[in-house]
């Protein structure tokens, strides 16, 4: 067993040993994450149409979300599955942002899109498959945008923090870690949510950490209990997949909750948040 709390960690800028206070990330002088308020990100796995996205956006905003997620470039295991609307999807996200005031979070796939994403996207997501795409991480480190860094499919916590180090070492301190479940021997769920990663990361690193219960379980009804567990364990936020018609979603419908379910999740998460001194 690797002692991640050793006196001389391989990650330096991400280590609490060298940065005692929690990192607070802001956009336009408005706090994104790192204080008492939880960061709530919600929206569909994929942007499918303007009509779909605006309906979901209005509902999740009403429930308490301040950030709208939606994939426009989709890394899929099979080349025959829906790959996203691409730049058309990004234009839809921007239009919905203008109409709702929600900030947008979407995944980048290529270094070729960094300049565009830096200009148009509020929080740039690096997916689990790209956690160790070091060229991409280094290039993102030259921006100042908040980077949502998802844990790799089977990455150790140290490998995850070292991936964050690649971004920070290039000058960008605005890294948000995202625990999204890791691959284990268990096959009942899509992945296994590593709840222990939350307090462990908070112990050894100053970086904020949020949880993705949707990818962690792959099962719609599990999203609420995993969300509550994550907040109770000290997570700084949640990213939840919401779809107005999950059974007809073009991607990840089985792990997407309806807007009504999202309302209920946030209602109950608020109770847990209050109990641990946080707010939504």
C-alpha atoms as a PDB file:
ATOM      1  CA  UNK A   1       0.000   0.000   0.000  1.00  0.00           C
ATOM      2  CA  UNK A   2       1.343   3.420  -1.019  1.00  0.00           C
ATOM      3  CA  UNK A   3       1.411   5.942   1.812  1.00  0.00           C
ATOM      4  CA  UNK A   4      -0.127   8.962   0.105  1.00  0.00           C
ATOM      5  CA  UNK A   5       0.379  11.037   3.265  1.00  0.00           C
ATOM      6  CA  UNK A   6       4.174  10.748   3.083  1.00  0.00           C
ATOM      7  CA  UNK A   7       6.394  13.685   3.988  1.00  0.00           C
ATOM      8  CA  UNK A   8       7.620  14.235   0.436  1.00  0.00           C
ATOM      9  CA  UNK A   9       4.700  13.822  -1.986  1.00  0.00           C
ATOM     10  CA  UNK A  10       5.442  13.602  -5.712  1.00  0.00           C
ATOM     11  CA  UNK A  11       2.759  16.232  -6.295  1.00  0.00           C
ATOM     12  CA  UNK A  12       3.835  19.602  -4.927  1.00  0.00           C
ATOM     13  CA  UNK A  13       1.485  22.331  -6.079  1.00  0.00           C
ATOM     14  CA  UNK A  14      -1.550  20.144  -5.351  1.00  0.00           C
ATOM     15  CA  UNK A  15      -0.295  19.185  -1.886  1.00  0.00           C
ATOM     16  CA  UNK A  16      -1.697  20.629   1.309  1.00  0.00           C
ATOM     17  CA  UNK A  17       1.810  20.405   2.752  1.00  0.00           C
ATOM     18  CA  UNK A  18       2.800  23.393   0.610  1.00  0.00           C
ATOM     19  CA  UNK A  19      -0.615  25.102   0.434  1.00  0.00           C
ATOM     20  CA  UNK A  20      -2.423  24.927   3.778  1.00  0.00           C
ATOM     21  CA  UNK A  21      -5.643  26.759   2.898  1.00  0.00           C
ATOM     22  CA  UNK A  22      -8.392  25.354   0.706  1.00  0.00           C
ATOM     23  CA  UNK A  23      -8.297  26.604  -2.860  1.00  0.00           C
ATOM     24  CA  UNK A  24     -11.163  28.955  -3.724  1.00  0.00           C
ATOM     25  CA  UNK A  25     -11.915  29.210  -7.439  1.00  0.00           C
ATOM     26  CA  UNK A  26     -13.734  32.203  -8.920  1.00  0.00           C
ATOM     27  CA  UNK A  27     -15.187  33.282 -12.263  1.00  0.00           C
ATOM     28  CA  UNK A  28     -15.559  37.042 -12.741  1.00  0.00           C
ATOM     29  CA  UNK A  29     -14.988  37.547  -8.995  1.00  0.00           C
ATOM     30  CA  UNK A  30     -17.863  35.192  -8.179  1.00  0.00           C
ATOM     31  CA  UNK A  31     -16.919  32.116  -6.148  1.00  0.00           C
ATOM     32  CA  UNK A  32     -17.333  28.884  -8.075  1.00  0.00           C
ATOM     33  CA  UNK A  33     -16.183  26.442  -5.434  1.00  0.00           C
ATOM     34  CA  UNK A  34     -14.111  26.233  -2.276  1.00  0.00           C
ATOM     35  CA  UNK A  35     -16.285  27.994   0.284  1.00  0.00           C
ATOM     36  CA  UNK A  36     -19.413  26.972   2.192  1.00  0.00           C
ATOM     37  CA  UNK A  37     -21.690  26.706  -0.861  1.00  0.00           C
ATOM     38  CA  UNK A  38     -21.776  23.435  -2.766  1.00  0.00           C
ATOM     39  CA  UNK A  39     -21.140  23.538  -6.505  1.00  0.00           C
ATOM     40  CA  UNK A  40     -24.158  21.952  -8.202  1.00  0.00           C
ATOM     41  CA  UNK A  41     -23.733  21.069 -11.885  1.00  0.00           C
ATOM     42  CA  UNK A  42     -26.614  19.453 -13.749  1.00  0.00           C
ATOM     43  CA  UNK A  43     -27.763  18.722 -17.262  1.00  0.00           C
ATOM     44  CA  UNK A  44     -27.893  16.054 -19.950  1.00  0.00           C
ATOM     45  CA  UNK A  45     -25.067  13.726 -20.853  1.00  0.00           C
ATOM     46  CA  UNK A  46     -25.292  15.052 -24.421  1.00  0.00           C
ATOM     47  CA  UNK A  47     -26.675  18.203 -25.932  1.00  0.00           C
ATOM     48  CA  UNK A  48     -29.307  16.875 -28.342  1.00  0.00           C
ATOM     49  CA  UNK A  49     -31.242  20.008 -29.350  1.00  0.00           C
ATOM     50  CA  UNK A  50     -31.990  23.530 -28.214  1.00  0.00           C
ATOM     51  CA  UNK A  51     -35.507  22.538 -27.169  1.00  0.00           C
ATOM     52  CA  UNK A  52     -34.187  19.687 -25.021  1.00  0.00           C
ATOM     53  CA  UNK A  53     -31.483  21.767 -23.349  1.00  0.00           C
ATOM     54  CA  UNK A  54     -33.506  24.882 -22.555  1.00  0.00           C
ATOM     55  CA  UNK A  55     -36.241  22.810 -20.899  1.00  0.00           C
ATOM     56  CA  UNK A  56     -33.712  20.968 -18.713  1.00  0.00           C
ATOM     57  CA  UNK A  57     -31.742  24.129 -17.953  1.00  0.00           C
ATOM     58  CA  UNK A  58     -34.772  25.987 -16.637  1.00  0.00           C
ATOM     59  CA  UNK A  59     -35.717  23.082 -14.380  1.00  0.00           C
ATOM     60  CA  UNK A  60     -32.268  22.486 -12.889  1.00  0.00           C
ATOM     61  CA  UNK A  61     -31.787  26.220 -12.280  1.00  0.00           C
ATOM     62  CA  UNK A  62     -35.083  26.385 -10.434  1.00  0.00           C
ATOM     63  CA  UNK A  63     -33.971  23.460  -8.265  1.00  0.00           C
ATOM     64  CA  UNK A  64     -30.700  25.157  -7.299  1.00  0.00           C
ATOM     65  CA  UNK A  65     -28.069  24.373  -9.946  1.00  0.00           C
ATOM     66  CA  UNK A  66     -25.841  27.228 -11.091  1.00  0.00           C
ATOM     67  CA  UNK A  67     -23.897  25.277 -13.716  1.00  0.00           C
ATOM     68  CA  UNK A  68     -25.230  23.509 -16.790  1.00  0.00           C
ATOM     69  CA  UNK A  69     -23.410  20.422 -18.044  1.00  0.00           C
ATOM     70  CA  UNK A  70     -23.856  19.085 -21.551  1.00  0.00           C
ATOM     71  CA  UNK A  71     -21.540  17.067 -23.757  1.00  0.00           C
ATOM     72  CA  UNK A  72     -20.902  18.336 -27.270  1.00  0.00           C
ATOM     73  CA  UNK A  73     -17.939  16.085 -28.102  1.00  0.00           C
ATOM     74  CA  UNK A  74     -18.673  12.628 -26.700  1.00  0.00           C
ATOM     75  CA  UNK A  75     -15.953  10.003 -26.142  1.00  0.00           C
ATOM     76  CA  UNK A  76     -17.866   6.760 -26.633  1.00  0.00           C
ATOM     77  CA  UNK A  77     -16.591   3.225 -26.208  1.00  0.00           C
ATOM     78  CA  UNK A  78     -18.154   2.243 -29.536  1.00  0.00           C
ATOM     79  CA  UNK A  79     -17.571   4.281 -32.717  1.00  0.00           C
ATOM     80  CA  UNK A  80     -21.172   3.531 -33.710  1.00  0.00           C
ATOM     81  CA  UNK A  81     -22.720   5.353 -30.763  1.00  0.00           C
ATOM     82  CA  UNK A  82     -23.779   9.019 -30.722  1.00  0.00           C
ATOM     83  CA  UNK A  83     -20.663  11.189 -30.692  1.00  0.00           C
ATOM     84  CA  UNK A  84     -22.302  14.538 -29.916  1.00  0.00           C
ATOM     85  CA  UNK A  85     -23.316  17.551 -32.002  1.00  0.00           C
ATOM     86  CA  UNK A  86     -19.831  19.071 -31.909  1.00  0.00           C
ATOM     87  CA  UNK A  87     -19.587  22.812 -32.517  1.00  0.00           C
ATOM     88  CA  UNK A  88     -23.332  23.034 -33.157  1.00  0.00           C
ATOM     89  CA  UNK A  89     -23.858  21.705 -29.635  1.00  0.00           C
ATOM     90  CA  UNK A  90     -21.525  24.348 -28.219  1.00  0.00           C
ATOM     91  CA  UNK A  91     -23.563  27.073 -29.910  1.00  0.00           C
ATOM     92  CA  UNK A  92     -26.695  25.646 -28.266  1.00  0.00           C
ATOM     93  CA  UNK A  93     -24.982  25.678 -24.869  1.00  0.00           C
ATOM     94  CA  UNK A  94     -23.998  29.316 -25.366  1.00  0.00           C
ATOM     95  CA  UNK A  95     -27.523  30.290 -26.374  1.00  0.00           C
ATOM     96  CA  UNK A  96     -29.009  28.591 -23.318  1.00  0.00           C
ATOM     97  CA  UNK A  97     -26.428  30.284 -21.088  1.00  0.00           C
ATOM     98  CA  UNK A  98     -27.523  33.673 -22.429  1.00  0.00           C
ATOM     99  CA  UNK A  99     -31.162  32.884 -21.749  1.00  0.00           C
ATOM    100  CA  UNK A 100     -30.816  31.330 -18.278  1.00  0.00           C
ATOM    101  CA  UNK A 101     -27.654  32.801 -16.758  1.00  0.00           C
ATOM    102  CA  UNK A 102     -26.313  29.316 -16.001  1.00  0.00           C
ATOM    103  CA  UNK A 103     -22.583  28.908 -16.548  1.00  0.00           C
ATOM    104  CA  UNK A 104     -21.643  26.048 -18.877  1.00  0.00           C
ATOM    105  CA  UNK A 105     -19.476  23.000 -18.262  1.00  0.00           C
ATOM    106  CA  UNK A 106     -18.479  20.749 -21.146  1.00  0.00           C
ATOM    107  CA  UNK A 107     -15.768  18.247 -22.003  1.00  0.00           C
ATOM    108  CA  UNK A 108     -12.808  19.031 -24.228  1.00  0.00           C
ATOM    109  CA  UNK A 109     -11.366  16.275 -26.401  1.00  0.00           C
ATOM    110  CA  UNK A 110      -8.628  17.917 -28.463  1.00  0.00           C
ATOM    111  CA  UNK A 111      -5.835  20.414 -27.921  1.00  0.00           C
ATOM    112  CA  UNK A 112      -7.031  22.025 -31.152  1.00  0.00           C
ATOM    113  CA  UNK A 113     -10.128  23.306 -29.332  1.00  0.00           C
ATOM    114  CA  UNK A 114      -8.387  24.892 -26.347  1.00  0.00           C
ATOM    115  CA  UNK A 115      -8.454  28.435 -27.727  1.00  0.00           C
ATOM    116  CA  UNK A 116     -12.178  28.143 -28.503  1.00  0.00           C
ATOM    117  CA  UNK A 117     -13.026  26.578 -25.142  1.00  0.00           C
ATOM    118  CA  UNK A 118     -10.989  29.190 -23.265  1.00  0.00           C
ATOM    119  CA  UNK A 119     -13.091  31.869 -24.934  1.00  0.00           C
ATOM    120  CA  UNK A 120     -16.532  30.250 -24.834  1.00  0.00           C
ATOM    121  CA  UNK A 121     -16.724  27.744 -21.937  1.00  0.00           C
ATOM    122  CA  UNK A 122     -16.926  28.657 -18.247  1.00  0.00           C
ATOM    123  CA  UNK A 123     -15.564  25.395 -16.792  1.00  0.00           C
ATOM    124  CA  UNK A 124     -13.598  23.034 -19.037  1.00  0.00           C
ATOM    125  CA  UNK A 125     -14.028  19.350 -18.244  1.00  0.00           C
ATOM    126  CA  UNK A 126     -11.296  16.773 -18.790  1.00  0.00           C
ATOM    127  CA  UNK A 127     -12.936  13.370 -18.944  1.00  0.00           C
ATOM    128  CA  UNK A 128     -11.680  10.208 -17.291  1.00  0.00           C
ATOM    129  CA  UNK A 129     -10.278   8.877 -20.560  1.00  0.00           C
ATOM    130  CA  UNK A 130      -8.099  11.977 -20.926  1.00  0.00           C
ATOM    131  CA  UNK A 131      -6.915  12.250 -17.324  1.00  0.00           C
ATOM    132  CA  UNK A 132      -3.432  11.232 -18.419  1.00  0.00           C
ATOM    133  CA  UNK A 133      -3.429  12.978 -21.779  1.00  0.00           C
ATOM    134  CA  UNK A 134      -0.428  14.982 -20.666  1.00  0.00           C
ATOM    135  CA  UNK A 135      -0.166  17.194 -23.760  1.00  0.00           C
ATOM    136  CA  UNK A 136      -3.773  18.271 -23.226  1.00  0.00           C
ATOM    137  CA  UNK A 137      -3.202  18.848 -19.503  1.00  0.00           C
ATOM    138  CA  UNK A 138      -0.097  20.955 -20.096  1.00  0.00           C
ATOM    139  CA  UNK A 139      -1.854  23.089 -22.684  1.00  0.00           C
ATOM    140  CA  UNK A 140      -4.826  23.611 -20.361  1.00  0.00           C
ATOM    141  CA  UNK A 141      -2.322  24.659 -17.716  1.00  0.00           C
ATOM    142  CA  UNK A 142      -1.520  27.705 -19.815  1.00  0.00           C
ATOM    143  CA  UNK A 143      -5.102  28.929 -19.544  1.00  0.00           C
ATOM    144  CA  UNK A 144      -6.729  30.445 -16.476  1.00  0.00           C
ATOM    145  CA  UNK A 145     -10.065  28.693 -16.876  1.00  0.00           C
ATOM    146  CA  UNK A 146     -11.309  26.369 -14.116  1.00  0.00           C
ATOM    147  CA  UNK A 147     -10.538  22.781 -15.137  1.00  0.00           C
ATOM    148  CA  UNK A 148     -12.820  19.982 -13.953  1.00  0.00           C
ATOM    149  CA  UNK A 149     -10.483  16.976 -13.841  1.00  0.00           C
ATOM    150  CA  UNK A 150     -12.236  13.620 -13.664  1.00  0.00           C
ATOM    151  CA  UNK A 151     -10.479  10.644 -12.121  1.00  0.00           C
ATOM    152  CA  UNK A 152      -9.341   8.013 -14.603  1.00  0.00           C
ATOM    153  CA  UNK A 153     -11.191   4.729 -15.023  1.00  0.00           C
ATOM    154  CA  UNK A 154      -8.722   2.839 -12.843  1.00  0.00           C
ATOM    155  CA  UNK A 155      -6.386   5.549 -11.594  1.00  0.00           C
ATOM    156  CA  UNK A 156      -4.926   5.722  -8.120  1.00  0.00           C
ATOM    157  CA  UNK A 157      -5.439   8.874  -6.079  1.00  0.00           C
ATOM    158  CA  UNK A 158      -1.765   9.709  -6.459  1.00  0.00           C
ATOM    159  CA  UNK A 159      -1.975   9.409 -10.263  1.00  0.00           C
ATOM    160  CA  UNK A 160      -5.027  11.670 -10.219  1.00  0.00           C
ATOM    161  CA  UNK A 161      -3.268  14.322  -8.130  1.00  0.00           C
ATOM    162  CA  UNK A 162      -0.214  14.109 -10.367  1.00  0.00           C
ATOM    163  CA  UNK A 163      -2.487  14.748 -13.367  1.00  0.00           C
ATOM    164  CA  UNK A 164      -3.670  17.886 -11.570  1.00  0.00           C
ATOM    165  CA  UNK A 165      -0.030  18.747 -11.020  1.00  0.00           C
ATOM    166  CA  UNK A 166       0.546  18.822 -14.805  1.00  0.00           C
ATOM    167  CA  UNK A 167      -2.083  21.563 -15.110  1.00  0.00           C
ATOM    168  CA  UNK A 168      -0.906  23.518 -12.084  1.00  0.00           C
ATOM    169  CA  UNK A 169       2.754  23.254 -13.011  1.00  0.00           C
ATOM    170  CA  UNK A 170       2.048  25.246 -16.188  1.00  0.00           C
ATOM    171  CA  UNK A 171       0.522  28.098 -14.183  1.00  0.00           C
ATOM    172  CA  UNK A 172      -3.187  27.312 -13.825  1.00  0.00           C
ATOM    173  CA  UNK A 173      -4.147  26.770 -10.154  1.00  0.00           C
ATOM    174  CA  UNK A 174      -7.867  26.451 -10.901  1.00  0.00           C
ATOM    175  CA  UNK A 175      -8.345  22.686 -10.764  1.00  0.00           C
ATOM    176  CA  UNK A 176     -11.518  20.982  -9.532  1.00  0.00           C
ATOM    177  CA  UNK A 177     -11.153  17.253  -8.917  1.00  0.00           C
ATOM    178  CA  UNK A 178     -14.074  14.968  -9.766  1.00  0.00           C
ATOM    179  CA  UNK A 179     -14.499  11.477  -8.319  1.00  0.00           C
ATOM    180  CA  UNK A 180     -16.666   9.593 -10.833  1.00  0.00           C
ATOM    181  CA  UNK A 181     -16.201   6.010  -9.746  1.00  0.00           C
ATOM    182  CA  UNK A 182     -13.445   3.594 -10.657  1.00  0.00           C
ATOM    183  CA  UNK A 183     -13.434   0.224 -12.372  1.00  0.00           C
ATOM    184  CA  UNK A 184     -13.406  -2.707  -9.955  1.00  0.00           C
ATOM    185  CA  UNK A 185     -14.402  -6.379 -10.013  1.00  0.00           C
ATOM    186  CA  UNK A 186     -17.992  -5.371  -9.281  1.00  0.00           C
ATOM    187  CA  UNK A 187     -20.277  -5.532 -12.337  1.00  0.00           C
ATOM    188  CA  UNK A 188     -23.663  -4.692 -10.794  1.00  0.00           C
ATOM    189  CA  UNK A 189     -22.935  -0.976 -11.074  1.00  0.00           C
ATOM    190  CA  UNK A 190     -21.231   0.814 -13.958  1.00  0.00           C
ATOM    191  CA  UNK A 191     -18.314   1.773 -11.694  1.00  0.00           C
ATOM    192  CA  UNK A 192     -17.604   1.778  -7.953  1.00  0.00           C
ATOM    193  CA  UNK A 193     -17.895   5.141  -6.208  1.00  0.00           C
ATOM    194  CA  UNK A 194     -14.805   5.625  -4.057  1.00  0.00           C
ATOM    195  CA  UNK A 195     -16.298   7.542  -1.136  1.00  0.00           C
ATOM    196  CA  UNK A 196     -12.998   7.182   0.739  1.00  0.00           C
ATOM    197  CA  UNK A 197     -11.322   9.336  -1.909  1.00  0.00           C
ATOM    198  CA  UNK A 198     -13.216  12.398  -0.675  1.00  0.00           C
ATOM    199  CA  UNK A 199     -11.815  12.703   2.869  1.00  0.00           C
ATOM    200  CA  UNK A 200      -8.448  11.389   1.703  1.00  0.00           C
ATOM    201  CA  UNK A 201      -8.103  14.045  -0.992  1.00  0.00           C
ATOM    202  CA  UNK A 202      -9.273  16.723   1.436  1.00  0.00           C
ATOM    203  CA  UNK A 203      -6.565  15.572   3.861  1.00  0.00           C
ATOM    204  CA  UNK A 204      -3.619  15.597   1.460  1.00  0.00           C
ATOM    205  CA  UNK A 205      -4.663  18.284  -1.048  1.00  0.00           C
ATOM    206  CA  UNK A 206      -6.115  21.789  -0.928  1.00  0.00           C
ATOM    207  CA  UNK A 207      -7.970  21.308  -4.222  1.00  0.00           C
ATOM    208  CA  UNK A 208     -11.781  21.138  -4.182  1.00  0.00           C
ATOM    209  CA  UNK A 209     -13.410  17.814  -5.010  1.00  0.00           C
ATOM    210  CA  UNK A 210     -16.855  17.094  -6.394  1.00  0.00           C
ATOM    211  CA  UNK A 211     -18.610  13.782  -7.065  1.00  0.00           C
ATOM    212  CA  UNK A 212     -20.343  12.410 -10.163  1.00  0.00           C
ATOM    213  CA  UNK A 213     -22.871   9.856  -8.851  1.00  0.00           C
ATOM    214  CA  UNK A 214     -24.281   9.301 -12.338  1.00  0.00           C
ATOM    215  CA  UNK A 215     -21.175   7.718 -13.861  1.00  0.00           C
ATOM    216  CA  UNK A 216     -20.256   6.138 -10.542  1.00  0.00           C
ATOM    217  CA  UNK A 217     -23.369   3.977 -10.498  1.00  0.00           C
ATOM    218  CA  UNK A 218     -24.900   3.999 -13.952  1.00  0.00           C
ATOM    219  CA  UNK A 219     -28.241   3.401 -12.226  1.00  0.00           C
ATOM    220  CA  UNK A 220     -30.880   6.128 -11.964  1.00  0.00           C
ATOM    221  CA  UNK A 221     -32.312   5.308  -8.547  1.00  0.00           C
ATOM    222  CA  UNK A 222     -28.848   5.241  -6.960  1.00  0.00           C
ATOM    223  CA  UNK A 223     -28.093   8.888  -7.756  1.00  0.00           C
ATOM    224  CA  UNK A 224     -29.862  10.275  -4.680  1.00  0.00           C
ATOM    225  CA  UNK A 225     -28.277   8.047  -1.985  1.00  0.00           C
ATOM    226  CA  UNK A 226     -24.825   8.462  -3.528  1.00  0.00           C
ATOM    227  CA  UNK A 227     -25.289  12.244  -3.701  1.00  0.00           C
ATOM    228  CA  UNK A 228     -26.213  12.377  -0.030  1.00  0.00           C
ATOM    229  CA  UNK A 229     -23.291  10.129   0.909  1.00  0.00           C
ATOM    230  CA  UNK A 230     -20.874  12.307  -1.059  1.00  0.00           C
ATOM    231  CA  UNK A 231     -21.969  15.511   0.672  1.00  0.00           C
ATOM    232  CA  UNK A 232     -21.862  13.809   4.069  1.00  0.00           C
ATOM    233  CA  UNK A 233     -18.291  12.682   3.336  1.00  0.00           C
ATOM    234  CA  UNK A 234     -17.178  16.249   2.595  1.00  0.00           C
ATOM    235  CA  UNK A 235     -17.560  16.699  -1.169  1.00  0.00           C
ATOM    236  CA  UNK A 236     -17.580  20.304  -2.371  1.00  0.00           C
ATOM    237  CA  UNK A 237     -20.197  19.678  -5.030  1.00  0.00           C
ATOM    238  CA  UNK A 238     -22.064  17.320  -7.339  1.00  0.00           C
ATOM    239  CA  UNK A 239     -22.365  16.851 -11.095  1.00  0.00           C
ATOM    240  CA  UNK A 240     -25.584  15.048 -11.999  1.00  0.00           C
ATOM    241  CA  UNK A 241     -26.988  13.956 -15.345  1.00  0.00           C
ATOM    242  CA  UNK A 242     -30.560  15.166 -15.890  1.00  0.00           C
ATOM    243  CA  UNK A 243     -32.721  14.432 -18.934  1.00  0.00           C
ATOM    244  CA  UNK A 244     -36.350  15.306 -19.633  1.00  0.00           C
ATOM    245  CA  UNK A 245     -36.924  11.897 -21.255  1.00  0.00           C
ATOM    246  CA  UNK A 246     -34.164   9.530 -20.063  1.00  0.00           C
ATOM    247  CA  UNK A 247     -35.567   6.467 -21.827  1.00  0.00           C
ATOM    248  CA  UNK A 248     -35.038   8.197 -25.174  1.00  0.00           C
ATOM    249  CA  UNK A 249     -31.718   9.877 -24.382  1.00  0.00           C
ATOM    250  CA  UNK A 250     -29.046   9.535 -27.074  1.00  0.00           C
ATOM    251  CA  UNK A 251     -26.470   8.660 -24.417  1.00  0.00           C
ATOM    252  CA  UNK A 252     -26.451   7.448 -20.803  1.00  0.00           C
ATOM    253  CA  UNK A 253     -30.218   7.439 -20.326  1.00  0.00           C
ATOM    254  CA  UNK A 254     -30.072   4.703 -17.694  1.00  0.00           C
ATOM    255  CA  UNK A 255     -28.064   6.921 -15.345  1.00  0.00           C
ATOM    256  CA  UNK A 256     -29.961  10.154 -16.009  1.00  0.00           C
ATOM    257  CA  UNK A 257     -32.605  11.397 -13.598  1.00  0.00           C
ATOM    258  CA  UNK A 258     -35.727  13.305 -14.579  1.00  0.00           C
ATOM    259  CA  UNK A 259     -36.137  16.963 -13.570  1.00  0.00           C
ATOM    260  CA  UNK A 260     -38.657  15.889 -10.920  1.00  0.00           C
ATOM    261  CA  UNK A 261     -36.150  13.415  -9.485  1.00  0.00           C
ATOM    262  CA  UNK A 262     -33.468  16.121  -9.513  1.00  0.00           C
ATOM    263  CA  UNK A 263     -35.780  18.441  -7.549  1.00  0.00           C
ATOM    264  CA  UNK A 264     -36.127  15.777  -4.887  1.00  0.00           C
ATOM    265  CA  UNK A 265     -32.392  15.003  -4.813  1.00  0.00           C
ATOM    266  CA  UNK A 266     -31.499  18.647  -4.193  1.00  0.00           C
ATOM    267  CA  UNK A 267     -34.231  18.971  -1.566  1.00  0.00           C
ATOM    268  CA  UNK A 268     -32.786  16.056   0.398  1.00  0.00           C
ATOM    269  CA  UNK A 269     -29.137  16.985  -0.233  1.00  0.00           C
ATOM    270  CA  UNK A 270     -29.865  20.371   1.372  1.00  0.00           C
ATOM    271  CA  UNK A 271     -30.712  18.571   4.615  1.00  0.00           C
ATOM    272  CA  UNK A 272     -27.367  16.733   4.589  1.00  0.00           C
ATOM    273  CA  UNK A 273     -25.517  19.900   3.591  1.00  0.00           C
ATOM    274  CA  UNK A 274     -26.967  21.819   6.545  1.00  0.00           C
ATOM    275  CA  UNK A 275     -25.963  19.028   8.912  1.00  0.00           C
ATOM    276  CA  UNK A 276     -22.308  19.253   7.811  1.00  0.00           C
ATOM    277  CA  UNK A 277     -22.159  23.056   7.710  1.00  0.00           C
ATOM    278  CA  UNK A 278     -22.614  23.498   3.967  1.00  0.00           C
ATOM    279  CA  UNK A 279     -25.329  25.054   1.823  1.00  0.00           C
ATOM    280  CA  UNK A 280     -26.875  24.679  -1.626  1.00  0.00           C
END
